[in-house]
Protein backbone atom coordinates (compact mmCIF):
# COMPACT_ATOMS: atom_id res chain seq x y z
CA MET A 1 0.00 0.00 0.00
CA GLY A 2 1.44 3.39 -0.91
CA ALA A 3 1.64 6.52 1.15
CA THR A 4 -1.63 8.42 1.55
CA ASP A 5 -2.75 11.67 3.12
CA ARG A 6 -4.61 11.22 6.40
CA THR A 7 -6.07 13.53 9.04
CA ASP A 8 -5.01 12.43 12.55
CA VAL A 9 -6.98 12.64 15.79
CA PHE A 10 -5.76 16.16 16.48
CA GLY A 11 -7.06 17.48 13.11
CA ALA A 12 -3.61 17.74 11.51
CA LYS A 13 -3.01 16.38 8.03
CA THR A 14 -0.16 13.88 7.93
CA GLN A 15 1.23 11.47 5.43
CA ILE A 16 1.14 7.83 6.53
CA GLY A 17 3.33 5.38 4.74
CA GLY A 18 1.34 2.21 4.91
CA LEU A 19 -0.99 -0.03 6.85
CA ARG A 20 1.65 -0.97 9.44
CA ARG A 21 2.16 2.60 10.53
CA ILE A 22 -1.58 3.13 10.82
CA ARG A 23 -1.83 0.13 13.15
CA VAL A 24 1.07 1.39 15.25
CA GLU A 25 -0.58 4.78 15.64
CA ARG A 26 -3.88 3.23 16.62
CA ALA A 27 -2.16 1.01 19.19
CA PHE A 28 -0.29 4.03 20.60
CA PHE A 29 -3.37 6.18 21.05
CA SER A 30 -5.35 3.23 22.36
CA GLY A 31 -2.75 2.85 25.13
CA ARG A 32 -2.90 6.56 25.90
CA THR A 33 -6.67 6.49 26.29
CA GLY A 34 -7.10 3.17 28.09
CA GLY A 35 -8.45 1.41 25.01
CA ARG A 36 -11.19 4.00 24.30
CA THR A 37 -11.57 5.24 20.71
CA ILE A 38 -10.90 8.96 20.28
CA SER A 39 -13.24 10.87 18.02
CA HIS A 40 -12.06 13.60 15.68
CA GLY A 41 -10.80 16.66 17.60
CA GLU A 42 -11.07 15.02 21.05
CA LYS A 43 -8.12 15.33 23.42
CA PRO A 44 -6.70 12.13 24.90
CA MET A 45 -7.45 11.30 28.54
CA PRO A 46 -4.61 11.78 31.06
CA TYR A 47 -2.72 8.79 32.34
CA PRO A 48 -4.77 7.01 35.04
CA ARG A 49 -1.48 5.92 36.61
CA LYS A 50 -0.70 9.53 37.48
CA ARG A 51 -3.95 9.83 39.41
CA VAL A 52 -3.14 6.66 41.32
CA TRP A 53 0.25 8.06 42.36
CA ILE A 54 -1.31 11.35 43.46
CA VAL A 55 -4.04 9.69 45.52
CA GLY A 56 -1.55 7.21 46.96
CA GLY A 57 0.81 10.03 47.93
CA ILE A 58 -1.98 11.91 49.71
CA ILE A 59 -3.03 8.80 51.63
CA LEU A 60 0.58 8.06 52.60
CA ALA A 61 1.14 11.63 53.80
CA ALA A 62 -2.06 11.47 55.87
CA CYS A 63 -0.94 8.18 57.45
CA VAL A 64 2.45 9.67 58.36
CA VAL A 65 0.83 12.74 59.94
CA LEU A 66 -1.64 10.63 61.93
CA ALA A 67 1.10 8.25 63.07
CA GLY A 68 3.26 11.16 64.22
CA ALA A 69 0.36 12.70 66.11
CA GLY A 70 -0.38 9.34 67.73
CA VAL A 71 3.23 8.87 68.84
CA ALA A 72 3.32 12.39 70.29
CA TYR A 73 0.01 11.96 72.13
CA THR A 74 0.87 8.58 73.65
CA SER A 75 4.27 9.90 74.78
CA GLY A 76 2.74 12.58 76.99
CA THR A 77 2.63 12.34 80.77
CA GLU A 78 -1.14 12.89 80.82
CA PHE A 79 -1.63 9.80 78.69
CA CYS A 80 0.55 7.73 81.06
CA LEU A 81 -1.40 8.97 84.07
CA SER A 82 -4.72 8.02 82.49
CA CYS A 83 -4.10 4.60 84.08
CA HIS A 84 -4.66 4.89 87.83
CA GLU A 85 -1.83 2.51 88.73
CA MET A 86 0.67 5.00 87.30
CA ARG A 87 -0.27 7.86 89.61
CA VAL A 88 1.85 6.61 92.49
CA TYR A 89 4.89 6.89 90.22
CA GLN A 90 4.04 10.50 89.46
CA ASP A 91 3.61 11.27 93.16
CA GLU A 92 7.04 9.80 93.87
CA LEU A 93 8.67 11.60 90.95
CA LYS A 94 7.48 14.98 92.25
CA LEU A 95 9.40 14.36 95.50
CA SER A 96 12.60 13.19 93.84
CA SER A 97 15.63 15.04 92.52
CA HIS A 98 14.44 14.19 89.01
CA ALA A 99 11.19 16.12 89.29
CA LYS A 100 12.56 18.96 87.14
CA ASP A 101 15.37 19.39 84.64
CA ALA A 102 18.16 21.97 84.72
CA GLN A 103 15.81 24.58 83.18
CA GLY A 104 13.21 24.00 85.88
CA LYS A 105 10.78 22.19 83.57
CA ASP A 106 8.88 19.10 84.70
CA ILE A 107 10.45 15.87 83.49
CA SER A 108 7.98 13.74 81.55
CA CYS A 109 7.68 9.96 81.66
CA SER A 110 8.93 9.51 78.10
CA GLN A 111 12.14 11.45 78.78
CA CYS A 112 13.34 8.52 80.89
CA HIS A 113 11.32 5.51 79.83
CA ILE A 114 11.17 5.74 76.02
CA PRO A 115 14.48 5.17 74.16
CA SER A 116 15.42 8.33 72.28
CA GLY A 117 18.62 7.39 70.48
CA ASN A 118 17.06 5.33 67.69
CA LEU A 119 13.70 5.71 65.92
CA ALA A 120 13.22 1.98 65.33
CA ARG A 121 14.05 1.18 68.97
CA MET A 122 11.75 3.94 70.18
CA LEU A 123 8.80 2.67 68.14
CA GLY A 124 9.53 -0.92 69.17
CA ALA A 125 9.65 0.02 72.85
CA LYS A 126 6.40 1.98 72.60
CA ALA A 127 4.66 -0.95 70.90
CA TRP A 128 5.92 -3.53 73.41
CA LEU A 129 5.35 -1.41 76.52
CA GLY A 130 1.97 -0.25 75.27
CA LEU A 131 0.70 -3.78 74.70
CA LYS A 132 2.11 -4.93 78.06
CA ASP A 133 0.50 -2.04 79.95
CA LEU A 134 -2.78 -2.55 78.12
CA TRP A 135 -2.78 -6.21 79.18
CA VAL A 136 -1.96 -5.42 82.82
CA HIS A 137 -4.49 -2.60 83.07
CA ASN A 138 -7.44 -4.41 81.48
CA LEU A 139 -6.86 -8.08 82.30
CA ASP A 140 -4.73 -8.13 85.46
CA GLY A 141 -6.45 -5.13 87.01
CA GLY A 142 -3.24 -3.33 87.91
CA GLU A 143 -4.37 -3.02 91.52
CA ASP A 144 -1.56 -4.85 93.30
CA LEU A 145 1.63 -4.54 91.27
CA ASP A 146 4.80 -6.36 92.33
CA ARG A 147 7.02 -3.31 92.09
CA ALA A 148 10.08 -5.16 93.39
CA GLY A 149 9.73 -7.77 90.68
CA MET A 150 9.07 -5.14 88.02
CA GLN A 151 12.20 -3.07 88.64
CA PRO A 152 14.80 -5.26 86.87
CA VAL A 153 12.59 -5.37 83.77
CA ALA A 154 11.84 -1.64 83.93
CA ARG A 155 15.55 -0.79 84.05
CA ARG A 156 16.07 -2.48 80.70
CA PHE A 157 13.83 0.16 79.15
CA THR A 158 15.72 3.10 80.66
CA ASP A 159 18.07 4.05 77.85
CA ASP A 160 21.47 5.52 78.69
CA ALA A 161 20.96 8.09 75.93
CA ASN A 162 18.05 9.51 77.91
CA CYS A 163 20.22 9.92 81.01
CA ARG A 164 23.10 11.41 79.00
CA SER A 165 20.81 13.98 77.38
CA CYS A 166 20.85 15.78 80.76
CA HIS A 167 24.00 14.38 82.38
CA GLN A 168 26.44 15.01 79.55
CA ASP A 169 29.60 15.62 81.59
CA LEU A 170 30.16 12.56 83.77
CA SER A 171 33.10 14.18 85.54
CA LYS A 172 30.72 16.56 87.34
CA ASN A 173 28.02 15.87 89.88
CA ALA A 174 24.32 15.99 89.11
CA LYS A 175 24.11 19.74 89.78
CA ASN A 176 27.15 20.41 87.55
CA ASP A 177 28.65 22.58 90.28
CA GLY A 178 31.52 20.28 91.27
CA PRO A 179 33.32 17.02 90.55
CA VAL A 180 31.90 13.63 91.40
CA SER A 181 33.42 11.59 94.20
CA LYS A 182 36.49 9.44 93.57
CA GLU A 183 34.33 6.33 93.69
CA GLY A 184 31.95 7.87 91.18
CA GLN A 185 34.80 8.91 88.90
CA LEU A 186 36.18 5.36 88.85
CA ALA A 187 32.73 4.01 88.03
CA HIS A 188 32.24 6.55 85.24
CA ASP A 189 35.70 5.84 83.81
CA ASN A 190 34.77 2.18 83.76
CA TYR A 191 31.48 3.03 82.04
CA LEU A 192 33.32 5.08 79.41
CA GLY A 193 35.79 2.25 78.82
CA LYS A 194 38.80 4.09 80.23
CA ASN A 195 39.72 1.44 82.79
CA GLY A 196 37.71 -1.55 81.66
CA ARG A 197 34.24 -2.26 80.43
CA ALA A 198 31.03 -1.33 82.16
CA ARG A 199 28.89 -4.25 83.23
CA SER A 200 25.70 -2.22 83.30
CA GLY A 201 24.20 1.04 82.15
CA CYS A 202 23.41 4.14 84.18
CA VAL A 203 20.53 2.61 86.14
CA GLY A 204 22.70 -0.37 87.06
CA CYS A 205 24.28 1.88 89.71
CA HIS A 206 21.86 4.80 89.94
CA GLN A 207 18.74 3.00 91.12
CA ASN A 208 15.52 4.27 92.70
CA LEU A 209 16.32 7.92 92.06
CA ALA A 210 12.91 8.83 90.66
CA HIS A 211 10.61 6.11 91.97
CA LEU A 212 11.26 4.76 95.43
CA PRO A 213 9.11 1.86 96.62
CA VAL A 214 8.74 1.28 100.37
CA PHE A 215 11.15 -1.65 100.44
CA ASP A 216 14.01 0.61 99.25
CA GLU A 217 13.52 3.53 101.60
CA ARG A 218 16.59 2.56 103.70
CA ILE A 219 19.11 3.02 100.88
CA PRO A 220 21.70 5.46 102.34
CA HIS A 221 22.17 7.70 99.29
CA ASN A 222 18.40 8.13 99.01
CA GLN A 223 17.72 9.10 102.61
CA LYS A 224 16.44 12.60 101.82
CA PHE A 225 14.14 11.26 99.13
CA ALA A 226 13.00 8.46 101.41
CA GLN A 227 12.23 10.92 104.20
CA LYS A 228 10.10 13.09 101.90
CA LEU A 229 8.22 10.05 100.70
CA LYS A 230 7.65 8.81 104.24
CA GLU A 231 6.32 12.21 105.35
CA SER A 232 3.98 12.39 102.37
CA ARG A 233 2.48 9.01 103.25
CA SER A 234 2.07 9.64 106.96
C-alpha cells in the first residue's frame, strides 16, 4: 500500500506510509486512552497511573501525619497517668531530685522511659510497653503490682541516651557545680571504657532515684528522698 494523506486525531493532516504505521498509531493512542476510541478533535485522557500516584501520595502523607500525632500523644505524661496505677509513680517523681530538669521544667515519663537514640528502637519500645500495659491494666487489674519484681525489667527500658541527654559531663556531679566523688569517677571511667568495660548502664548503679518503693527507703544515698516520701504518706 502506498503513502496516503490522512487527518489524525488532532485534526492535523499527515502522510502515513502504509498499513503498518496506521496500526502502530492506533495502538499508541489506544494505550494513551485506556483502550477507548478517540473521536475527531477530542483530546486524549490523562494517564490514570498519574492519578493513582497522586491519591496514593496523599493517603501516605495522611498516614504519616496521623502516626506522628499518635506517637506524640501517647508519649505525653497525661496519657501515662490516664491509668490509675501509674499515679503513684508521678507522686514519687514529684518528691525526687528528678522532678525537674536543669531549666526548671517538669520531666515527663517519656524522657526517661522511652528510648530516644534510635527511631526503630523507640517505636519498638512503645509498641511492646503499650501492649504490656494494656494487658496489665485491662486483664490483670493493675491493683496490686509487684514493684520489686518489676524493677529489673523496667531498668532495661531506661536508655542511657536519655540519662546522657541531661547528664552530659560525667566528671561533674548531678548539679554540675563540682566534681563527682572518687568512687563515682572510677565508676564513670569504667562506664566510658577508660579502665575496663562497664557491666551495666546508668541505672545499674543509679537506682531508685525517681521512683522509690517502700522496700528501698533505707538506701543510704536516698535518705532525703525516702524521708520526703515517708512524710507524704504519713
